[in-house]
């Protein structure tokens, strides 16, 4: 069971090709979280991570293997994953001398996904250019997408232009709250809005979607924090298309995450992810 939702718990930065998305979260906030993780690995001299998936009975998930490796100067990370639910894949992430993510390349037997990132003088993302190539029997499909960001004078995103296959453009607008943080993300084509909420320490706590198919506002994501470390202690994610959600609870050793436990709506343990550092 856990293999089906494993990639929610250990999600890496990847552009979303869905019609609607929390772009501010998935493009920008997730990028910063990834860079902080890399900085923590470097600080703790981590060379590799074995990621173990355990079922509800505590036994290893059958057919599952996941390992992440870093090069000497932490400019490249490789994540190899194999599971019964999917073909083996290799995600390679490359970073520049500033520690900023420049490129991700995720390849498997059926598809290849590539993301290229560009930054401004403030180290803020101004461009994400992505492609997905997939093969089905004799057919080869390629989807191209660009996210072009512009910022206010205070370096807060105010607009993003999403360009699909070089022709289809959509403008995503961001509205700020009284603390100069992104509060609303609006898709000007579909009218879909996402609301972002923060705690007193200006940490993201909730992402809520509003559209014509969701008359009641329910969070897509809810985040809780360890006040001592500032690390995320729990994340609740809504299962798209069904009235269900998952809760991930995180345990750390210093700055490094060592365990994740996943629960369903009935508070039943679905499985555990453990991180072994070398």
Protein backbone atom coordinates (compact mmCIF):
# COMPACT_ATOMS: atom_id res chain seq x y z
CA UNK A 1 0.00 0.00 0.00
CA UNK A 2 2.72 2.45 0.97
CA UNK A 3 4.43 2.17 -2.40
CA UNK A 4 1.37 3.75 -4.02
CA UNK A 5 1.80 6.98 -2.07
CA UNK A 6 5.54 6.86 -1.33
CA UNK A 7 6.39 9.61 -3.79
CA UNK A 8 4.14 12.06 -1.92
CA UNK A 9 6.25 11.61 1.18
CA UNK A 10 9.66 11.90 -0.50
CA UNK A 11 8.57 14.26 -3.25
CA UNK A 12 11.31 16.02 -5.17
CA UNK A 13 10.98 19.23 -7.12
CA UNK A 14 9.19 18.62 -10.40
CA UNK A 15 7.12 20.94 -12.53
CA UNK A 16 3.41 20.15 -12.68
CA UNK A 17 1.82 19.61 -16.08
CA UNK A 18 -1.74 19.51 -14.76
CA UNK A 19 -4.35 22.04 -15.82
CA UNK A 20 -4.32 23.65 -12.38
CA UNK A 21 -1.61 23.59 -9.80
CA UNK A 22 -0.23 25.32 -6.74
CA UNK A 23 2.60 26.87 -8.74
CA UNK A 24 3.86 29.11 -5.95
CA UNK A 25 4.24 26.06 -3.72
CA UNK A 26 5.44 23.49 -6.25
CA UNK A 27 7.77 25.76 -8.22
CA UNK A 28 9.14 28.20 -5.65
CA UNK A 29 8.62 26.98 -2.08
CA UNK A 30 9.56 23.38 -2.93
CA UNK A 31 12.70 24.66 -4.61
CA UNK A 32 13.76 26.45 -1.42
CA UNK A 33 12.99 23.35 0.64
CA UNK A 34 15.15 21.23 -1.66
CA UNK A 35 18.04 23.71 -1.45
CA UNK A 36 17.81 23.70 2.35
CA UNK A 37 17.89 19.89 2.35
CA UNK A 38 21.02 19.94 0.19
CA UNK A 39 22.65 22.46 2.52
CA UNK A 40 21.85 20.19 5.49
CA UNK A 41 23.35 17.17 3.70
CA UNK A 42 26.50 19.12 2.95
CA UNK A 43 26.75 20.46 6.50
CA UNK A 44 26.45 16.90 7.87
CA UNK A 45 28.82 15.46 5.22
CA UNK A 46 26.20 13.01 3.96
CA UNK A 47 27.47 10.96 1.01
CA UNK A 48 24.49 8.68 0.46
CA UNK A 49 21.02 7.93 1.81
CA UNK A 50 19.29 4.56 1.83
CA UNK A 51 15.53 5.06 1.91
CA UNK A 52 13.63 2.13 3.41
CA UNK A 53 9.89 1.55 2.96
CA UNK A 54 8.18 -0.47 5.71
CA UNK A 55 4.65 -1.86 5.64
CA UNK A 56 2.15 -1.65 8.52
CA UNK A 57 3.59 -4.83 10.03
CA UNK A 58 7.07 -3.32 10.08
CA UNK A 59 8.36 -5.54 7.27
CA UNK A 60 10.21 -4.04 4.27
CA UNK A 61 8.01 -3.31 1.24
CA UNK A 62 8.52 -6.07 -1.29
CA UNK A 63 10.37 -5.04 -4.45
CA UNK A 64 11.18 -1.56 -3.18
CA UNK A 65 14.65 0.00 -3.40
CA UNK A 66 15.59 3.66 -3.14
CA UNK A 67 19.02 5.25 -2.73
CA UNK A 68 20.30 8.80 -3.08
CA UNK A 69 23.97 9.61 -3.71
CA UNK A 70 25.93 12.88 -3.83
CA UNK A 71 29.17 13.77 -5.54
CA UNK A 72 32.13 15.21 -3.61
CA UNK A 73 31.22 18.90 -3.88
CA UNK A 74 27.42 18.43 -3.72
CA UNK A 75 26.81 19.75 -7.22
CA UNK A 76 25.07 16.53 -8.26
CA UNK A 77 22.57 14.23 -6.57
CA UNK A 78 21.30 10.94 -8.00
CA UNK A 79 18.13 9.26 -6.74
CA UNK A 80 17.57 5.71 -7.97
CA UNK A 81 14.16 4.19 -7.27
CA UNK A 82 12.68 0.80 -8.05
CA UNK A 83 9.26 -0.42 -6.91
CA UNK A 84 6.69 -3.03 -7.87
CA UNK A 85 4.23 -0.29 -8.80
CA UNK A 86 6.48 1.29 -11.44
CA UNK A 87 9.56 0.82 -13.55
CA UNK A 88 12.97 1.77 -12.20
CA UNK A 89 13.86 5.45 -12.50
CA UNK A 90 16.94 7.61 -12.04
CA UNK A 91 16.53 11.26 -11.03
CA UNK A 92 19.68 13.33 -11.48
CA UNK A 93 19.77 16.85 -10.03
CA UNK A 94 22.62 19.27 -10.77
CA UNK A 95 23.47 22.42 -8.81
CA UNK A 96 25.66 25.44 -9.57
CA UNK A 97 28.46 26.85 -7.41
CA UNK A 98 25.94 28.90 -5.43
CA UNK A 99 24.08 25.72 -4.53
CA UNK A 100 21.10 26.60 -6.75
CA UNK A 101 19.31 23.84 -8.64
CA UNK A 102 20.07 24.12 -12.37
CA UNK A 103 18.63 20.94 -13.86
CA UNK A 104 16.73 17.76 -13.06
CA UNK A 105 16.60 14.76 -15.36
CA UNK A 106 14.25 11.90 -14.46
CA UNK A 107 14.38 8.85 -16.71
CA UNK A 108 12.64 5.48 -16.74
CA UNK A 109 11.78 2.88 -19.37
CA UNK A 110 8.59 4.70 -20.38
CA UNK A 111 9.29 8.42 -19.92
CA UNK A 112 11.95 11.08 -19.52
CA UNK A 113 11.29 14.35 -17.69
CA UNK A 114 13.72 17.27 -17.75
CA UNK A 115 13.52 20.60 -15.88
CA UNK A 116 15.92 23.51 -16.46
CA UNK A 117 16.04 26.44 -14.00
CA UNK A 118 17.24 30.02 -14.39
CA UNK A 119 17.62 32.63 -11.63
CA UNK A 120 17.94 36.41 -11.31
CA UNK A 121 20.55 38.37 -9.33
CA UNK A 122 18.53 37.74 -6.13
CA UNK A 123 18.69 33.95 -6.69
CA UNK A 124 14.94 33.87 -7.40
CA UNK A 125 13.61 31.59 -10.11
CA UNK A 126 12.72 33.48 -13.27
CA UNK A 127 12.38 30.52 -15.65
CA UNK A 128 11.59 26.82 -15.51
CA UNK A 129 11.70 25.05 -18.86
CA UNK A 130 10.45 21.50 -18.82
CA UNK A 131 9.74 18.59 -21.11
CA UNK A 132 8.21 15.14 -20.80
CA UNK A 133 8.89 12.50 -23.41
CA UNK A 134 6.92 9.28 -23.16
CA UNK A 135 6.72 6.25 -25.41
CA UNK A 136 3.71 3.99 -25.82
CA UNK A 137 4.27 1.16 -28.32
CA UNK A 138 5.12 2.96 -31.58
CA UNK A 139 4.08 6.45 -30.44
CA UNK A 140 6.39 9.09 -29.01
CA UNK A 141 4.77 11.99 -27.16
CA UNK A 142 6.54 15.15 -26.02
CA UNK A 143 5.06 17.90 -23.86
CA UNK A 144 6.92 21.18 -23.41
CA UNK A 145 6.18 23.75 -20.74
CA UNK A 146 7.69 27.02 -19.54
CA UNK A 147 7.05 28.97 -16.35
CA UNK A 148 8.27 32.56 -16.58
CA UNK A 149 8.22 34.46 -13.26
CA UNK A 150 8.34 38.20 -12.56
CA UNK A 151 8.74 39.82 -9.14
CA UNK A 152 7.95 42.97 -7.20
CA UNK A 153 10.67 45.36 -6.04
CA UNK A 154 10.63 43.43 -2.75
CA UNK A 155 11.46 40.18 -4.59
CA UNK A 156 8.01 38.64 -4.14
CA UNK A 157 6.39 36.90 -7.15
CA UNK A 158 3.65 38.93 -8.77
CA UNK A 159 3.05 37.06 -12.04
CA UNK A 160 3.90 33.85 -13.85
CA UNK A 161 3.29 33.08 -17.53
CA UNK A 162 2.73 29.41 -18.21
CA UNK A 163 3.47 28.46 -21.84
CA UNK A 164 2.55 24.99 -23.04
CA UNK A 165 4.04 23.59 -26.25
CA UNK A 166 5.24 27.10 -27.22
CA UNK A 167 1.71 28.25 -28.14
CA UNK A 168 -0.79 27.98 -25.28
CA UNK A 169 -0.19 30.74 -22.71
CA UNK A 170 -1.84 31.30 -19.34
CA UNK A 171 -1.17 34.12 -16.90
CA UNK A 172 -0.99 33.23 -13.21
CA UNK A 173 -1.34 36.21 -10.86
CA UNK A 174 -0.22 36.45 -7.23
CA UNK A 175 -1.78 38.75 -4.62
CA UNK A 176 0.05 39.62 -1.42
CA UNK A 177 -1.13 39.90 2.16
CA UNK A 178 -0.29 42.61 4.69
CA UNK A 179 3.03 40.87 5.44
CA UNK A 180 4.11 40.96 1.79
CA UNK A 181 3.61 37.20 1.41
CA UNK A 182 1.75 35.48 -1.41
CA UNK A 183 -1.86 35.07 -0.25
CA UNK A 184 -3.73 34.29 -3.48
CA UNK A 185 -2.70 32.55 -6.68
CA UNK A 186 -5.16 32.97 -9.56
CA UNK A 187 -5.28 31.22 -12.91
CA UNK A 188 -6.66 33.92 -15.23
CA UNK A 189 -7.86 31.36 -17.79
CA UNK A 190 -9.77 28.91 -15.58
CA UNK A 191 -10.50 31.27 -12.71
CA UNK A 192 -9.14 28.76 -10.21
CA UNK A 193 -7.72 30.31 -7.04
CA UNK A 194 -5.41 28.99 -4.37
CA UNK A 195 -5.25 30.65 -0.96
CA UNK A 196 -2.07 30.53 1.09
CA UNK A 197 -2.17 30.89 4.89
CA UNK A 198 0.69 31.45 7.33
CA UNK A 199 1.35 31.31 11.06
CA UNK A 200 2.70 34.09 13.29
CA UNK A 201 6.25 33.15 12.24
CA UNK A 202 5.31 33.61 8.57
CA UNK A 203 5.52 29.86 7.87
CA UNK A 204 3.14 28.35 5.33
CA UNK A 205 0.38 26.40 7.10
CA UNK A 206 -2.44 25.81 4.57
CA UNK A 207 -3.02 25.77 0.82
CA UNK A 208 -6.71 25.90 -0.09
CA UNK A 209 -8.20 25.61 -3.57
CA UNK A 210 -11.32 27.41 -4.76
CA UNK A 211 -13.08 26.61 -8.04
CA UNK A 212 -16.58 25.96 -9.39
CA UNK A 213 -16.27 22.21 -8.77
CA UNK A 214 -15.36 22.72 -5.10
CA UNK A 215 -18.11 24.80 -3.48
CA UNK A 216 -16.62 24.16 -0.03
CA UNK A 217 -13.09 25.31 0.71
CA UNK A 218 -10.92 22.44 1.91
CA UNK A 219 -7.13 22.50 2.26
CA UNK A 220 -5.07 20.61 -0.29
CA UNK A 221 -2.08 20.85 2.06
CA UNK A 222 -1.73 21.51 5.78
CA UNK A 223 1.68 21.93 7.40
CA UNK A 224 2.67 21.75 11.07
CA UNK A 225 6.07 22.71 12.47
CA UNK A 226 8.41 21.82 15.30
CA UNK A 227 8.76 25.18 17.03
CA UNK A 228 12.21 24.36 18.36
CA UNK A 229 13.82 23.40 15.04
CA UNK A 230 11.45 25.09 12.59
CA UNK A 231 11.28 21.86 10.58
CA UNK A 232 7.98 20.53 9.22
CA UNK A 233 6.67 18.01 11.74
CA UNK A 234 3.56 16.94 9.81
CA UNK A 235 1.97 17.37 6.39
CA UNK A 236 -1.62 16.56 5.45
CA UNK A 237 -2.39 16.07 1.75
CA UNK A 238 -5.81 15.67 0.17
CA UNK A 239 -6.29 12.77 -2.23
CA UNK A 240 -7.35 14.33 -5.53
CA UNK A 241 -10.76 13.26 -6.82
CA UNK A 242 -11.84 11.46 -3.64
CA UNK A 243 -12.92 12.49 -0.16
CA UNK A 244 -9.78 11.24 1.56
CA UNK A 245 -6.45 12.50 2.84
CA UNK A 246 -3.08 11.30 4.11
CA UNK A 247 -1.12 12.56 7.09
CA UNK A 248 2.68 12.34 7.08
CA UNK A 249 4.45 12.73 10.42
CA UNK A 250 8.19 13.41 10.44
CA UNK A 251 10.97 12.64 12.92
CA UNK A 252 14.42 14.27 12.80
CA UNK A 253 17.89 13.78 14.18
CA UNK A 254 19.16 17.33 14.23
CA UNK A 255 18.60 18.77 10.75
CA UNK A 256 18.21 15.37 9.06
CA UNK A 257 14.87 13.64 8.64
CA UNK A 258 15.15 10.03 9.80
CA UNK A 259 11.58 8.75 9.70
CA UNK A 260 8.17 9.39 8.11
CA UNK A 261 4.95 7.70 9.13
CA UNK A 262 1.89 7.84 6.88
CA UNK A 263 -1.69 7.63 8.20
CA UNK A 264 -5.05 7.60 6.46
CA UNK A 265 -8.19 9.49 7.38
CA UNK A 266 -9.09 6.85 9.97
CA UNK A 267 -5.69 7.42 11.64
CA UNK A 268 -4.54 3.96 10.58
CA UNK A 269 -0.82 3.58 9.92
CA UNK A 270 -0.23 2.83 6.23
CA UNK A 271 3.52 2.49 6.42
CA UNK A 272 6.83 4.02 7.38
CA UNK A 273 9.76 5.52 5.51
CA UNK A 274 13.19 5.39 7.17
CA UNK A 275 16.32 7.26 6.10
CA UNK A 276 19.76 5.75 6.69
CA UNK A 277 22.63 8.22 6.20
CA UNK A 278 26.24 7.41 5.33
